[in-house]
Protein backbone atom coordinates (compact mmCIF):
# COMPACT_ATOMS: atom_id res chain seq x y z
CA MET A 1 4.27 -24.87 -66.35
CA ALA A 2 4.63 -26.40 -62.94
CA GLN A 3 7.11 -25.02 -60.54
CA ASN A 4 8.85 -26.91 -57.73
CA ILE A 5 8.35 -24.91 -54.53
CA ASN A 6 10.20 -25.71 -51.26
CA PRO A 7 7.40 -25.42 -48.71
CA GLU A 8 9.89 -24.27 -45.90
CA ARG A 9 11.08 -21.48 -48.14
CA ALA A 10 7.89 -20.54 -49.37
CA GLN A 11 6.77 -20.28 -45.71
CA SER A 12 9.57 -18.17 -44.70
CA SER A 13 9.35 -15.69 -47.68
CA ASN A 14 5.55 -15.30 -46.80
CA PRO A 15 5.16 -11.59 -46.41
CA SER A 16 1.98 -11.57 -44.34
CA LYS A 17 3.67 -13.66 -41.89
CA GLN A 18 6.75 -11.51 -41.57
CA ASN A 19 4.62 -8.60 -41.44
CA ASP A 20 2.55 -10.15 -38.37
CA GLU A 21 5.74 -10.86 -36.79
CA ALA A 22 7.18 -7.29 -37.21
CA LEU A 23 3.95 -5.87 -35.83
CA ILE A 24 4.17 -8.22 -32.63
CA ASN A 25 7.70 -7.07 -32.25
CA ASN A 26 7.01 -3.50 -32.71
CA ASN A 27 4.16 -3.70 -30.32
CA ASN A 28 6.13 -5.44 -27.74
CA GLN A 29 8.85 -2.72 -28.00
CA ALA A 30 6.16 0.09 -27.60
CA VAL A 31 4.65 -1.93 -24.68
CA SER A 32 8.00 -2.18 -22.92
CA LYS A 33 8.77 1.29 -23.46
CA ARG A 34 5.53 2.38 -22.02
CA LEU A 35 6.20 0.32 -18.90
CA GLN A 36 9.67 1.76 -18.68
CA LYS A 37 8.05 5.08 -18.42
CA GLU A 38 5.68 4.06 -15.82
CA LEU A 39 8.33 2.35 -13.64
CA MET A 40 10.42 5.49 -13.84
CA ALA A 41 7.34 7.59 -12.87
CA LEU A 42 6.53 5.18 -9.86
CA MET A 43 10.20 5.28 -8.63
CA LEU A 44 10.14 9.11 -8.89
CA SER A 45 6.66 9.40 -7.17
CA SER A 46 6.21 10.58 -3.68
CA GLU A 47 3.95 7.95 -2.93
CA LYS A 48 5.29 6.00 -0.34
CA SER A 49 2.36 3.52 0.35
CA ILE A 50 2.56 1.68 -3.23
CA SER A 51 5.42 0.28 -5.20
CA ALA A 52 5.85 -1.96 -8.30
CA PHE A 53 9.01 -3.42 -10.07
CA PRO A 54 9.39 -5.91 -12.89
CA GLU A 55 10.07 -9.40 -11.61
CA GLY A 56 13.50 -10.11 -12.81
CA GLU A 57 14.06 -9.23 -16.47
CA ASN A 58 10.53 -9.63 -17.56
CA PHE A 59 8.94 -6.29 -18.20
CA PHE A 60 5.47 -7.94 -18.63
CA LYS A 61 5.03 -9.26 -15.12
CA TRP A 62 5.54 -7.08 -12.19
CA ILE A 63 5.16 -7.51 -8.27
CA GLY A 64 3.30 -4.60 -6.59
CA THR A 65 3.12 -3.68 -2.98
CA ILE A 66 0.32 -1.42 -1.42
CA SER A 67 -0.03 -0.65 2.34
CA GLY A 68 -3.45 -0.57 3.88
CA PRO A 69 -4.79 2.91 3.94
CA ASP A 70 -4.79 5.10 7.25
CA ASP A 71 -8.12 5.44 8.72
CA THR A 72 -9.41 1.89 7.62
CA VAL A 73 -9.32 -1.60 9.18
CA TYR A 74 -6.24 -2.17 6.84
CA LYS A 75 -3.90 0.18 8.29
CA GLY A 76 -0.57 -1.38 9.20
CA GLN A 77 -0.75 -4.27 6.64
CA LYS A 78 0.93 -4.47 3.53
CA TYR A 79 -0.18 -6.67 0.52
CA LYS A 80 1.88 -8.04 -2.62
CA LEU A 81 0.31 -8.12 -5.96
CA LEU A 82 1.08 -9.64 -9.13
CA LEU A 83 0.60 -7.58 -12.43
CA GLU A 84 0.73 -9.38 -15.75
CA PHE A 85 0.62 -7.05 -18.83
CA PRO A 86 -0.90 -8.20 -22.06
CA HIS A 87 0.89 -7.38 -25.40
CA SER A 88 -1.91 -5.11 -26.21
CA TYR A 89 -1.42 -3.13 -22.95
CA PRO A 90 -2.49 -0.17 -22.33
CA TYR A 91 -5.44 -0.72 -24.67
CA SER A 92 -6.16 -4.05 -22.49
CA ALA A 93 -6.10 -4.07 -18.84
CA PRO A 94 -3.33 -6.08 -17.14
CA ASN A 95 -4.27 -9.13 -15.10
CA VAL A 96 -3.84 -8.07 -11.46
CA LYS A 97 -4.13 -10.28 -8.27
CA PHE A 98 -3.28 -10.40 -4.78
CA ILE A 99 -0.29 -12.51 -3.82
CA THR A 100 -0.58 -11.96 -0.08
CA PRO A 101 -3.94 -13.34 0.98
CA CYS A 102 -6.45 -10.72 1.59
CA PHE A 103 -9.70 -10.70 3.27
CA HIS A 104 -11.95 -8.43 1.57
CA PRO A 105 -15.56 -8.23 0.04
CA ASN A 106 -14.21 -7.82 -3.35
CA VAL A 107 -11.31 -10.35 -3.20
CA ASP A 108 -11.63 -14.02 -3.47
CA LEU A 109 -9.53 -16.48 -1.79
CA SER A 110 -7.41 -17.06 -4.96
CA GLY A 111 -6.52 -13.34 -4.91
CA SER A 112 -8.85 -12.28 -7.95
CA ILE A 113 -10.07 -8.68 -7.70
CA CYS A 114 -13.57 -7.59 -8.50
CA LEU A 115 -12.80 -4.07 -9.52
CA ASP A 116 -14.54 -2.16 -12.57
CA ILE A 117 -11.27 -0.43 -13.74
CA LEU A 118 -9.69 -3.78 -14.15
CA LYS A 119 -12.50 -5.08 -16.46
CA ASP A 120 -15.17 -3.03 -18.50
CA LYS A 121 -14.14 0.52 -17.23
CA TRP A 122 -10.37 0.06 -18.35
CA SER A 123 -9.00 2.98 -20.19
CA ALA A 124 -5.47 3.24 -21.88
CA LEU A 125 -5.05 6.23 -19.76
CA TYR A 126 -4.62 4.24 -16.43
CA ASP A 127 -1.27 3.38 -15.49
CA VAL A 128 0.38 1.07 -12.74
CA ARG A 129 0.10 3.96 -10.18
CA THR A 130 -3.59 4.35 -11.05
CA ILE A 131 -4.06 0.62 -10.53
CA LEU A 132 -2.46 0.30 -7.08
CA LEU A 133 -4.06 3.52 -5.85
CA SER A 134 -7.58 2.37 -6.85
CA ILE A 135 -6.75 -1.13 -5.13
CA GLN A 136 -5.56 0.55 -2.07
CA SER A 137 -8.69 2.68 -2.16
CA LEU A 138 -10.87 -0.34 -2.61
CA LEU A 139 -9.67 -1.83 0.62
CA GLY A 140 -11.48 0.85 2.67
CA GLU A 141 -14.32 1.40 0.36
CA PRO A 142 -15.52 -2.01 -0.85
CA ASN A 143 -18.48 -2.45 -3.45
CA ASN A 144 -20.63 -4.73 -1.32
CA ASP A 145 -23.11 -4.85 -3.92
CA SER A 146 -20.83 -7.19 -5.78
CA PRO A 147 -18.90 -9.18 -3.32
CA LEU A 148 -16.55 -11.95 -4.24
CA ASN A 149 -16.20 -13.14 -0.80
CA SER A 150 -19.58 -13.23 0.89
CA GLN A 151 -18.17 -13.80 4.43
CA ALA A 152 -16.05 -10.50 4.26
CA SER A 153 -19.26 -8.61 2.73
CA GLN A 154 -21.44 -9.90 5.68
CA LEU A 155 -18.93 -9.02 8.59
CA TRP A 156 -18.12 -5.42 6.68
CA PRO A 157 -20.82 -3.51 8.59
CA ASN A 158 -19.39 -4.51 11.79
CA GLN A 159 -16.13 -2.78 11.61
CA VAL A 160 -14.94 -4.10 15.17
CA GLU A 161 -15.65 -7.60 14.44
CA TYR A 162 -14.09 -7.31 10.95
CA LYS A 163 -10.98 -5.84 12.25
CA LYS A 164 -10.67 -8.53 14.75
CA TYR A 165 -11.18 -11.29 12.09
CA LEU A 166 -9.01 -9.24 9.55
CA ASP A 167 -5.96 -9.01 11.91
CA ASP A 168 -6.18 -12.75 12.68
CA PHE A 169 -6.59 -13.63 9.09
CA TYR A 170 -3.62 -11.27 8.18
CA GLU A 171 -1.22 -12.74 10.86
CA LYS A 172 -1.94 -16.35 9.70
CA ASN A 173 -1.58 -15.61 6.12
CA LYS A 174 1.18 -12.70 5.81
CA ASP A 175 3.87 -14.87 4.98
CA SER A 176 2.18 -17.04 2.22
């Protein structure tokens, strides 16, 4: 005996689709909760050279700042970064890039960063603080074996010339 089934009603009562949506909602809530904890930890941290806050109401998109580390050519400079968290965070790394143009061997002109912990060495144990401190550390200790910016890589060994070029580049681009 044939039954008349309303396709719209059949779709809405599809338990598989409802389960998927429930899993996504639960996961988003778990990620939001983790990011809220990370925000609190950052706000309570004694680290003055890094910070990050959600952009508006969106907990999956943050603006971070790092100061150039002392004892490096980046001392006195301040950089903004965009951190976008996937719904699979912390099991997948966030997408992080410089907003402030950064002249560096491991940063390309669009702000993309070549840093192993943001790619194949990612661990769910890392957090926003770890990411920002790692990027800050990278400023003073680039991996010249894997450059994204060949000009910066070639200049890096001559720190006096590098600093001169860097300061000029930073002044021209800091408000971009």
